Amino acid sequence: MKLVWLRNDLRLADNPALRHACAGDEPVAALFIISPTQWQQHKMAPIRQRFMLAQVDVLGRELAALGIPLHLLRVETFAEAPAALADLCREQGVTQLYANQAIEIDEQRRDHAVSTALAEQAVGCHWLNGCCVLPPGRVLTGSGEMFKVFTPFSRAWLKALDEEGFVIHRAPTPRGEPLPWQPLAEREWVDEALGELTTDPCWPVGEVEARRRLNDFLEQAVLDYGKTRDFPAIAGTSVLSPYLAAGIISPRQCVAALQQRLGYRPQSNAQPGFVWLNELIWREFYRHLLVLIPTLSMNRPFKPETAALPWSWDPDAFAAWCEGRTGYPIVDAAMRCLNATGWMHNRLRMIVASFLTKDLHIHWRLGEDYFMSRLIDGDLAANNGGWQWAAGTGADAAPYFRVFNPTTQGQRFDPQGEFIRTWVTELADIPTAYVHQPHDWLRLKGRQDYPAPMVDHAVARVRAIEMFRSLEK
């Protein structure tokens, strides 16, 4: 028997591990491992856990309809996975294990330990690329090193894709009679481990839903994406990140759909659709970095010298940022949106990350962990890459002297204050002229229901620049 180990690739279509396992006539089974303690240690948001398990439930039913059973194992930590997998392979008569490559260091170490354990039982392990359009290690400089700046990586990625192309793997065909499937909500040990498995109606699961969102975006918004993507009050983005993070849809499917929509693959900013494609390439960039520079998974900065920065760990200031009590409306609206929905617009992620690191001078690791603990699309590579970019410690980071002004960012990207009024309810009735700097108006009205700015941005900016300049001495 062949066993497909599903992880962050919870789909039937374009799943290389599943497709390769289903080649031939040998029986196939699938596996998903629930690791509650490990997920907590990795700060996985409860909303992300529920979203992922809801998709496992859907996928289990779909696999069962194809005659492929989906086994569920519960191990508290990754350390228990090799023995549990060895036992399952022995019980089921598994001779070959198939899985798509993991990119995080703990997951890679787990997979290496699994390979070692299964080799003792003569079970062959096959690790495939299911997380990227081009596999990590494929896009390198002429000297064989990883690109450290995005733009040349993007050019090399596009060239490599033109040279190699890519294949979209079809979903497997039925392999036998349909099998029964017991929903996860009826399994006591799953509920016991993770609590009530309720799902958010804003985030329906399933490959059909992911493709619907992709197609709607390509039909309605992709051509204007470069103009609308930075405005959180406008539905100008694909909102596909949770589906990509869980592997409900693949990046290859996204690129293929874009090509089909346009009739070509855009190569530069001059061509419609390129801005969105470039965002997919950014995703690839961060994932390749994570594989080729394992220390990024270990709370270490990409730029080693920035480890000496005198970051603050002020718990009160950090709590005010987390709860949306900074006194800067766009920052507070973004954080309250995150806490309520589990999602944040990408422009807002940059604004709040800059505020935490450059205005409050708080270590980026705290922000990175908090995002992971709240985001439905929490993904180590993208999250770490984004935080280190904002903090000035990462690959292709913003220059240390470029510090986002939270007030002007709000004025530029939420000019009418629509997003702010939605989430900072204290400001729902404020005139537009004051929505980004409400404090004078509130004082005139005798109101104290919204906090004063916790820092002076101009002063904090100078301090941030001084922090980085001190590294040069």
Protein backbone atom coordinates (compact mmCIF):
# COMPACT_ATOMS: atom_id res chain seq x y z
CA MET A 1 0.00 0.00 0.00
CA LYS A 2 1.03 3.60 -0.64
CA LEU A 3 0.39 6.28 1.99
CA VAL A 4 0.01 10.00 1.25
CA TRP A 5 0.82 12.22 4.21
CA LEU A 6 -1.15 15.46 3.89
CA ARG A 7 0.05 18.58 5.70
CA ASN A 8 -0.35 22.12 4.32
CA ASP A 9 -1.56 20.72 0.99
CA LEU A 10 -5.18 19.93 1.73
CA ARG A 11 -6.46 19.50 -1.81
CA LEU A 12 -7.12 16.90 -4.48
CA ALA A 13 -6.09 18.94 -7.52
CA ASP A 14 -2.46 19.82 -8.22
CA ASN A 15 -1.22 17.76 -5.30
CA PRO A 16 2.05 16.14 -6.48
CA ALA A 17 2.28 13.72 -3.54
CA LEU A 18 -1.28 12.49 -4.07
CA ARG A 19 -0.85 12.29 -7.84
CA HIS A 20 2.37 10.27 -7.64
CA ALA A 21 0.94 7.94 -5.01
CA CYS A 22 -2.07 7.26 -7.23
CA ALA A 23 0.08 6.23 -10.19
CA GLY A 24 -0.41 2.52 -10.75
CA ASP A 25 -2.92 0.09 -9.30
CA GLU A 26 -1.57 -0.36 -5.79
CA PRO A 27 -4.00 0.61 -2.99
CA VAL A 28 -3.62 4.16 -1.65
CA ALA A 29 -4.49 5.64 1.73
CA ALA A 30 -4.03 9.15 3.09
CA LEU A 31 -3.00 10.49 6.47
CA PHE A 32 -3.38 13.71 8.43
CA ILE A 33 -1.64 14.18 11.78
CA ILE A 34 -3.18 16.40 14.47
CA SER A 35 -0.55 17.84 16.83
CA PRO A 36 -2.31 20.15 19.33
CA THR A 37 0.66 20.81 21.62
CA GLN A 38 3.03 21.42 18.71
CA TRP A 39 0.54 23.78 17.09
CA GLN A 40 0.33 25.75 20.33
CA GLN A 41 4.12 25.92 20.56
CA HIS A 42 4.18 27.27 17.01
CA LYS A 43 1.59 29.90 17.98
CA MET A 44 -0.93 28.58 15.45
CA ALA A 45 -4.08 30.69 15.71
CA PRO A 46 -7.21 28.85 16.87
CA ILE A 47 -9.09 30.23 13.84
CA ARG A 48 -6.43 28.75 11.57
CA GLN A 49 -6.66 25.38 13.33
CA ARG A 50 -10.43 25.31 12.88
CA PHE A 51 -10.16 26.38 9.24
CA MET A 52 -7.58 23.68 8.54
CA LEU A 53 -9.57 20.95 10.29
CA ALA A 54 -12.75 21.99 8.49
CA GLN A 55 -10.87 21.44 5.24
CA VAL A 56 -9.57 18.08 6.50
CA ASP A 57 -13.19 17.11 7.09
CA VAL A 58 -14.17 18.07 3.55
CA LEU A 59 -11.11 16.40 2.07
CA GLY A 60 -11.70 13.21 4.05
CA ARG A 61 -15.20 12.94 2.64
CA GLU A 62 -13.96 13.63 -0.90
CA LEU A 63 -11.18 11.07 -0.62
CA ALA A 64 -13.61 8.51 0.76
CA ALA A 65 -15.83 9.07 -2.28
CA LEU A 66 -12.80 8.10 -4.42
CA GLY A 67 -12.19 4.95 -2.40
CA ILE A 68 -9.18 6.42 -0.56
CA PRO A 69 -9.39 6.24 3.24
CA LEU A 70 -8.03 9.17 5.25
CA HIS A 71 -6.43 8.11 8.54
CA LEU A 72 -6.19 10.56 11.40
CA LEU A 73 -3.42 10.33 13.98
CA ARG A 74 -3.04 12.44 17.07
CA VAL A 75 0.46 13.09 18.37
CA GLU A 76 1.09 15.95 20.74
CA THR A 77 4.45 16.97 19.29
CA PHE A 78 6.52 16.33 16.19
CA ALA A 79 8.87 14.15 18.24
CA GLU A 80 6.14 11.51 18.47
CA ALA A 81 5.46 11.45 14.73
CA PRO A 82 8.16 8.96 13.59
CA ALA A 83 7.04 6.20 15.95
CA ALA A 84 3.34 6.81 15.24
CA LEU A 85 3.92 6.72 11.49
CA ALA A 86 6.05 3.58 11.76
CA ASP A 87 3.26 1.86 13.68
CA LEU A 88 0.62 2.90 11.13
CA CYS A 89 2.77 1.76 8.21
CA ARG A 90 3.32 -1.61 9.88
CA GLU A 91 -0.40 -2.05 10.61
CA GLN A 92 -1.51 -1.04 7.11
CA GLY A 93 1.24 -2.77 5.16
CA VAL A 94 2.57 0.48 3.74
CA THR A 95 5.59 0.16 1.44
CA GLN A 96 5.85 3.76 0.15
CA LEU A 97 5.21 7.12 1.80
CA TYR A 98 4.53 10.23 -0.30
CA ALA A 99 4.45 13.80 1.00
CA ASN A 100 5.00 17.31 -0.25
CA GLN A 101 8.10 18.99 1.08
CA ALA A 102 7.87 21.02 4.29
CA ILE A 103 9.91 24.22 4.40
CA GLU A 104 10.11 25.06 8.13
CA ILE A 105 13.09 23.76 10.13
CA ASP A 106 11.11 21.87 12.79
CA GLU A 107 9.02 20.22 10.09
CA GLN A 108 12.12 19.34 8.07
CA ARG A 109 13.73 17.75 11.13
CA ARG A 110 10.53 15.81 11.78
CA ASP A 111 10.46 14.56 8.18
CA HIS A 112 14.12 13.51 8.35
CA ALA A 113 13.36 11.55 11.52
CA VAL A 114 10.38 9.92 9.79
CA SER A 115 12.55 8.91 6.83
CA THR A 116 15.06 7.34 9.20
CA ALA A 117 12.40 5.46 11.16
CA LEU A 118 10.62 4.15 8.07
CA ALA A 119 13.87 3.09 6.40
CA GLU A 120 14.21 0.51 9.17
CA GLN A 121 10.96 -1.01 7.90
CA ALA A 122 12.02 -0.75 4.24
CA VAL A 123 9.37 1.89 3.60
CA GLY A 124 10.51 4.28 0.88
CA CYS A 125 9.88 8.00 1.41
CA HIS A 126 9.24 10.40 -1.47
CA TRP A 127 9.29 14.17 -0.83
CA LEU A 128 7.89 16.33 -3.61
CA ASN A 129 7.47 20.05 -4.29
CA GLY A 130 3.89 21.01 -3.61
CA CYS A 131 4.38 24.37 -1.89
CA CYS A 132 6.00 26.47 -4.62
CA VAL A 133 5.73 26.97 -8.35
CA LEU A 134 9.48 26.39 -8.61
CA PRO A 135 11.15 24.22 -5.95
CA PRO A 136 13.37 25.89 -3.34
CA GLY A 137 16.95 25.86 -4.60
CA ARG A 138 15.96 26.22 -8.24
CA VAL A 139 16.31 30.03 -8.41
CA LEU A 140 19.92 30.89 -7.56
CA THR A 141 22.53 33.44 -8.54
CA GLY A 142 25.24 32.63 -11.08
CA SER A 143 27.50 31.62 -8.18
CA GLY A 144 24.89 29.20 -6.84
CA GLU A 145 23.73 31.33 -3.90
CA MET A 146 20.27 32.41 -2.83
CA PHE A 147 19.22 35.84 -4.01
CA LYS A 148 19.12 38.30 -1.11
CA VAL A 149 17.27 41.01 -3.01
CA PHE A 150 13.82 40.46 -4.41
CA THR A 151 13.96 42.16 -7.81
CA PRO A 152 16.77 40.01 -9.28
CA PHE A 153 15.08 36.95 -7.74
CA SER A 154 11.86 37.91 -9.51
CA ARG A 155 13.63 38.25 -12.86
CA ALA A 156 15.42 34.92 -12.42
CA TRP A 157 12.20 33.24 -11.30
CA LEU A 158 10.36 34.42 -14.40
CA LYS A 159 13.20 33.28 -16.64
CA ALA A 160 13.33 29.84 -14.99
CA LEU A 161 9.57 29.48 -15.33
CA ASP A 162 9.77 30.35 -19.03
CA GLU A 163 12.49 27.73 -19.49
CA GLU A 164 10.85 24.94 -17.51
CA GLY A 165 7.15 25.63 -17.48
CA PHE A 166 5.02 23.75 -14.97
CA VAL A 167 2.38 21.07 -14.80
CA ILE A 168 -0.98 21.19 -13.02
CA HIS A 169 -1.68 17.73 -11.63
CA ARG A 170 -5.24 16.54 -12.06
CA ALA A 171 -7.22 15.23 -9.11
CA PRO A 172 -7.14 11.45 -8.84
CA THR A 173 -9.88 9.33 -10.34
CA PRO A 174 -11.87 6.85 -8.24
CA ARG A 175 -9.81 3.90 -7.05
CA GLY A 176 -12.56 1.72 -5.68
CA GLU A 177 -15.97 1.73 -4.10
CA PRO A 178 -16.89 4.79 -2.00
CA LEU A 179 -16.00 4.48 1.67
CA PRO A 180 -17.75 5.81 4.79
CA TRP A 181 -16.42 8.97 6.44
CA GLN A 182 -17.00 9.89 10.07
CA PRO A 183 -17.09 13.70 10.44
CA LEU A 184 -14.48 15.18 12.75
CA ALA A 185 -17.17 16.74 14.94
CA GLU A 186 -18.29 13.22 15.88
CA ARG A 187 -14.82 12.14 16.97
CA GLU A 188 -14.46 12.72 20.69
CA TRP A 189 -10.68 12.70 20.78
CA VAL A 190 -10.55 15.48 18.17
CA ASP A 191 -12.97 17.67 20.12
CA GLU A 192 -11.09 16.92 23.32
CA ALA A 193 -7.82 18.05 21.78
CA LEU A 194 -9.03 21.20 20.04
CA GLY A 195 -12.35 22.25 21.50
CA GLU A 196 -15.49 22.93 19.50
CA LEU A 197 -14.76 22.63 15.79
CA THR A 198 -16.86 25.60 14.70
CA THR A 199 -15.97 27.37 11.46
CA ASP A 200 -16.19 31.03 10.53
CA PRO A 201 -18.90 31.67 7.90
CA CYS A 202 -16.63 34.36 6.39
CA TRP A 203 -14.13 31.65 5.47
CA PRO A 204 -15.92 28.67 3.87
CA VAL A 205 -13.58 25.82 3.07
CA GLY A 206 -13.26 23.64 -0.01
CA GLU A 207 -11.43 23.70 -3.32
CA VAL A 208 -14.58 24.88 -5.07
CA GLU A 209 -14.68 27.96 -2.83
CA ALA A 210 -10.97 28.68 -3.36
CA ARG A 211 -11.35 28.46 -7.14
CA ARG A 212 -14.47 30.64 -7.00
CA ARG A 213 -12.56 33.34 -5.14
CA LEU A 214 -9.68 33.09 -7.57
CA ASN A 215 -11.92 33.30 -10.61
CA ASP A 216 -13.96 36.19 -9.21
CA PHE A 217 -10.77 38.12 -8.49
CA LEU A 218 -9.37 37.48 -11.95
CA GLU A 219 -12.60 38.52 -13.61
CA GLN A 220 -13.36 41.56 -11.48
CA ALA A 221 -10.24 43.00 -9.86
CA VAL A 222 -6.92 41.76 -11.20
CA LEU A 223 -6.58 44.41 -13.91
CA ASP A 224 -7.03 47.19 -11.32
CA TYR A 225 -5.07 45.40 -8.61
CA GLY A 226 -2.09 47.74 -8.84
CA LYS A 227 -4.37 50.72 -8.16
CA THR A 228 -6.69 49.26 -5.52
CA ARG A 229 -4.63 46.74 -3.54
CA ASP A 230 -3.48 49.26 -0.89
CA PHE A 231 -6.93 50.51 0.12
CA PRO A 232 -8.43 48.34 2.91
CA ALA A 233 -11.94 49.74 2.47
CA ILE A 234 -11.98 48.49 -1.14
CA ALA A 235 -12.39 44.83 -2.13
CA GLY A 236 -9.30 45.01 -4.32
CA THR A 237 -7.35 41.92 -3.28
CA SER A 238 -7.87 38.22 -3.91
CA VAL A 239 -8.28 37.26 -0.20
CA LEU A 240 -6.78 33.90 -1.14
CA SER A 241 -4.06 33.83 1.51
CA PRO A 242 -5.88 31.47 3.93
CA TYR A 243 -6.48 29.02 1.08
CA LEU A 244 -2.85 29.18 -0.04
CA ALA A 245 -1.59 28.78 3.54
CA ALA A 246 -3.69 25.65 4.07
CA GLY A 247 -2.91 24.37 0.60
CA ILE A 248 -6.56 24.34 -0.48
CA ILE A 249 -5.33 25.93 -3.68
CA SER A 250 -1.79 25.86 -5.05
CA PRO A 251 0.36 28.74 -6.31
CA ARG A 252 0.66 26.89 -9.63
CA GLN A 253 -3.11 26.95 -10.01
CA CYS A 254 -3.04 30.69 -9.39
CA VAL A 255 -0.37 31.32 -12.03
CA ALA A 256 -2.14 29.06 -14.53
CA ALA A 257 -5.49 30.79 -13.97
CA LEU A 258 -3.87 34.21 -14.41
CA GLN A 259 -2.30 33.10 -17.69
CA GLN A 260 -5.61 31.73 -18.90
CA ARG A 261 -7.42 34.95 -17.96
CA LEU A 262 -4.90 37.21 -19.73
CA GLY A 263 -3.82 34.94 -22.55
CA TYR A 264 -0.18 35.42 -21.60
CA ARG A 265 2.13 35.42 -18.59
CA PRO A 266 2.97 39.04 -17.69
CA GLN A 267 6.67 39.85 -17.45
CA SER A 268 6.83 43.45 -16.23
CA ASN A 269 4.86 46.20 -14.51
CA ALA A 270 3.91 47.51 -17.94
CA GLN A 271 1.64 44.50 -18.46
CA PRO A 272 -1.73 44.07 -16.74
CA GLY A 273 -1.75 41.37 -14.09
CA PHE A 274 1.96 41.59 -13.31
CA VAL A 275 1.51 43.33 -9.96
CA TRP A 276 -0.50 40.39 -8.63
CA LEU A 277 1.89 37.84 -10.15
CA ASN A 278 4.72 39.67 -8.42
CA GLU A 279 2.96 39.14 -5.09
CA LEU A 280 2.98 35.41 -5.79
CA ILE A 281 6.70 35.69 -6.55
CA TRP A 282 7.24 37.46 -3.21
CA ARG A 283 5.59 34.43 -1.59
CA GLU A 284 8.03 32.16 -3.44
CA PHE A 285 10.97 34.37 -2.42
CA TYR A 286 10.22 34.06 1.28
CA ARG A 287 9.63 30.31 1.04
CA HIS A 288 12.89 29.72 -0.81
CA LEU A 289 14.71 31.81 1.79
CA LEU A 290 13.25 29.78 4.64
CA VAL A 291 14.54 26.52 3.14
CA LEU A 292 17.97 27.79 2.20
CA ILE A 293 18.54 29.84 5.38
CA PRO A 294 17.20 27.67 8.23
CA THR A 295 18.09 30.23 10.92
CA LEU A 296 15.11 32.27 9.75
CA SER A 297 12.96 29.60 11.44
CA MET A 298 14.92 30.08 14.67
CA ASN A 299 13.97 33.65 15.61
CA ARG A 300 17.17 35.03 14.10
CA PRO A 301 17.40 38.05 11.80
CA PHE A 302 18.38 37.70 8.18
CA LYS A 303 20.97 40.44 8.73
CA PRO A 304 23.08 39.05 11.60
CA GLU A 305 24.37 42.45 12.66
CA THR A 306 20.84 43.60 13.54
CA ALA A 307 20.72 41.07 16.39
CA ALA A 308 22.53 43.77 18.40
CA LEU A 309 19.70 46.31 18.04
CA PRO A 310 18.45 47.49 21.47
CA TRP A 311 14.83 46.50 20.99
CA SER A 312 12.26 47.16 23.70
CA TRP A 313 10.19 44.42 25.30
CA ASP A 314 7.79 46.81 27.08
CA PRO A 315 4.72 44.67 27.94
CA ASP A 316 2.35 47.61 28.47
CA ALA A 317 3.21 49.24 25.15
CA PHE A 318 2.96 45.89 23.40
CA ALA A 319 -0.48 45.24 24.95
CA ALA A 320 -1.72 48.64 23.76
CA TRP A 321 -0.59 47.78 20.22
CA CYS A 322 -2.19 44.32 20.37
CA GLU A 323 -5.51 45.69 21.58
CA GLY A 324 -5.68 48.69 19.23
CA ARG A 325 -5.17 51.38 21.88
CA THR A 326 -2.25 53.30 20.37
CA GLY A 327 -4.10 56.55 19.63
CA TYR A 328 -3.29 56.25 15.92
CA PRO A 329 -6.61 55.44 14.20
CA ILE A 330 -5.33 53.40 11.23
CA VAL A 331 -3.13 51.27 13.52
CA ASP A 332 -5.94 50.69 15.99
CA ALA A 333 -8.48 49.87 13.28
CA ALA A 334 -6.12 47.34 11.74
CA MET A 335 -5.40 45.59 15.04
CA ARG A 336 -9.05 45.47 16.05
CA CYS A 337 -9.90 44.00 12.65
CA LEU A 338 -7.25 41.33 13.12
CA ASN A 339 -8.48 40.44 16.59
CA ALA A 340 -12.09 40.21 15.43
CA THR A 341 -11.67 38.44 12.09
CA GLY A 342 -8.31 36.68 12.03
CA TRP A 343 -7.27 38.55 8.89
CA MET A 344 -5.57 41.82 8.00
CA HIS A 345 -5.11 43.65 4.72
CA ASN A 346 -1.50 43.58 3.54
CA ARG A 347 -1.01 47.37 3.53
CA LEU A 348 -2.23 47.41 7.12
CA ARG A 349 0.21 44.65 8.05
CA MET A 350 3.05 46.89 6.89
CA ILE A 351 1.68 49.91 8.76
CA VAL A 352 1.20 48.17 12.10
CA ALA A 353 4.52 46.31 11.82
CA SER A 354 6.34 49.56 11.16
CA PHE A 355 4.56 51.17 14.10
CA LEU A 356 5.52 48.40 16.51
CA THR A 357 9.16 48.28 15.46
CA LYS A 358 9.93 51.87 14.42
CA ASP A 359 7.57 53.89 16.66
CA LEU A 360 7.48 51.70 19.76
CA HIS A 361 10.90 50.11 19.05
CA ILE A 362 9.54 46.75 20.20
CA HIS A 363 11.23 43.59 18.94
CA TRP A 364 9.76 42.27 15.71
CA ARG A 365 9.63 38.77 17.19
CA LEU A 366 6.79 39.80 19.49
CA GLY A 367 4.79 41.10 16.55
CA GLU A 368 5.58 38.05 14.45
CA ASP A 369 4.36 35.73 17.21
CA TYR A 370 1.22 37.78 17.82
CA PHE A 371 0.30 37.70 14.16
CA MET A 372 0.75 33.92 14.05
CA SER A 373 -1.46 33.58 17.12
CA ARG A 374 -4.30 35.47 15.42
CA LEU A 375 -4.06 35.04 11.64
CA ILE A 376 -6.19 32.56 9.73
CA ASP A 377 -3.51 32.69 7.00
CA GLY A 378 -0.55 32.39 9.38
CA ASP A 379 2.43 31.19 7.35
CA LEU A 380 5.92 31.25 8.82
CA ALA A 381 7.74 32.20 5.63
CA ALA A 382 5.47 35.09 4.64
CA ASN A 383 4.95 36.28 8.21
CA ASN A 384 8.63 36.22 9.11
CA GLY A 385 9.59 37.80 5.80
CA GLY A 386 7.08 40.59 6.22
CA TRP A 387 8.03 41.36 9.79
CA GLN A 388 11.75 41.39 9.09
CA TRP A 389 11.14 43.60 6.05
CA ALA A 390 9.25 46.11 8.19
CA ALA A 391 11.79 45.95 11.02
CA GLY A 392 14.74 46.50 8.69
CA THR A 393 16.39 43.22 9.65
CA GLY A 394 15.40 41.05 6.69
CA ALA A 395 16.13 40.34 3.06
CA ASP A 396 15.43 43.29 0.78
CA ALA A 397 14.24 45.19 3.84
CA ALA A 398 13.10 48.78 3.67
CA PRO A 399 16.05 51.09 4.38
CA TYR A 400 16.28 51.86 8.07
CA PHE A 401 15.62 55.55 7.43
CA ARG A 402 12.30 54.74 5.72
CA VAL A 403 9.79 54.79 8.56
CA PHE A 404 6.06 54.69 7.86
CA ASN A 405 4.17 57.69 9.23
CA PRO A 406 0.95 56.11 10.54
CA THR A 407 -1.04 59.32 10.11
CA THR A 408 -0.09 59.98 6.50
CA GLN A 409 -0.46 56.28 5.69
CA GLY A 410 -4.03 56.45 6.94
CA GLN A 411 -4.71 59.66 5.04
CA ARG A 412 -3.36 58.14 1.84
CA PHE A 413 -4.93 54.67 1.97
CA ASP A 414 -8.14 55.31 3.91
CA PRO A 415 -8.78 58.91 2.86
CA GLN A 416 -12.45 59.02 3.88
CA GLY A 417 -11.86 57.03 7.06
CA GLU A 418 -14.26 54.27 6.04
CA PHE A 419 -12.08 51.48 7.36
CA ILE A 420 -11.26 53.40 10.53
CA ARG A 421 -14.91 54.09 11.33
CA THR A 422 -15.78 50.42 10.80
CA TRP A 423 -13.37 49.19 13.45
CA VAL A 424 -12.76 52.12 15.80
CA THR A 425 -16.35 52.65 16.80
CA GLU A 426 -15.47 55.57 19.07
CA LEU A 427 -14.72 57.51 15.88
CA ALA A 428 -17.82 56.44 13.92
CA ASP A 429 -19.35 59.93 14.08
CA ILE A 430 -16.19 61.99 13.62
CA PRO A 431 -15.98 64.39 10.64
CA THR A 432 -13.72 63.18 7.85
CA ALA A 433 -11.41 66.17 8.29
CA TYR A 434 -10.48 64.88 11.76
CA VAL A 435 -10.66 61.12 11.37
CA HIS A 436 -6.90 60.58 11.10
CA GLN A 437 -6.03 63.09 13.85
CA PRO A 438 -9.13 63.06 16.03
CA HIS A 439 -7.78 64.31 19.32
CA ASP A 440 -8.42 68.06 18.95
CA TRP A 441 -11.99 67.42 17.84
CA LEU A 442 -12.58 65.01 20.70
CA ARG A 443 -11.25 67.53 23.22
CA LEU A 444 -13.57 70.21 21.85
CA LYS A 445 -16.46 67.80 22.36
CA GLY A 446 -15.29 66.98 25.87
CA ARG A 447 -14.81 63.34 24.97
CA GLN A 448 -12.19 61.01 26.41
CA ASP A 449 -13.32 57.73 24.85
CA TYR A 450 -10.34 57.36 22.50
CA PRO A 451 -6.73 57.29 23.74
CA ALA A 452 -4.18 60.01 23.05
CA PRO A 453 -1.24 59.02 20.82
CA MET A 454 1.06 56.85 22.91
CA VAL A 455 4.17 58.23 21.20
CA ASP A 456 5.17 61.27 19.17
CA HIS A 457 5.88 59.80 15.74
CA ALA A 458 8.48 62.43 14.81
CA VAL A 459 10.47 61.75 17.97
CA ALA A 460 10.08 57.97 17.66
CA ARG A 461 11.27 58.07 14.05
CA VAL A 462 14.50 59.81 15.01
CA ARG A 463 15.09 57.23 17.76
CA ALA A 464 14.55 54.37 15.29
CA ILE A 465 17.07 55.81 12.86
CA GLU A 466 19.58 56.30 15.68
CA MET A 467 19.17 52.63 16.67
CA PHE A 468 20.24 51.47 13.24
CA ARG A 469 22.98 54.04 12.83
CA SER A 470 24.52 52.82 16.07
CA LEU A 471 25.24 49.49 14.33
CA GLU A 472 27.61 51.28 11.96
CA LYS A 473 29.82 52.57 14.76
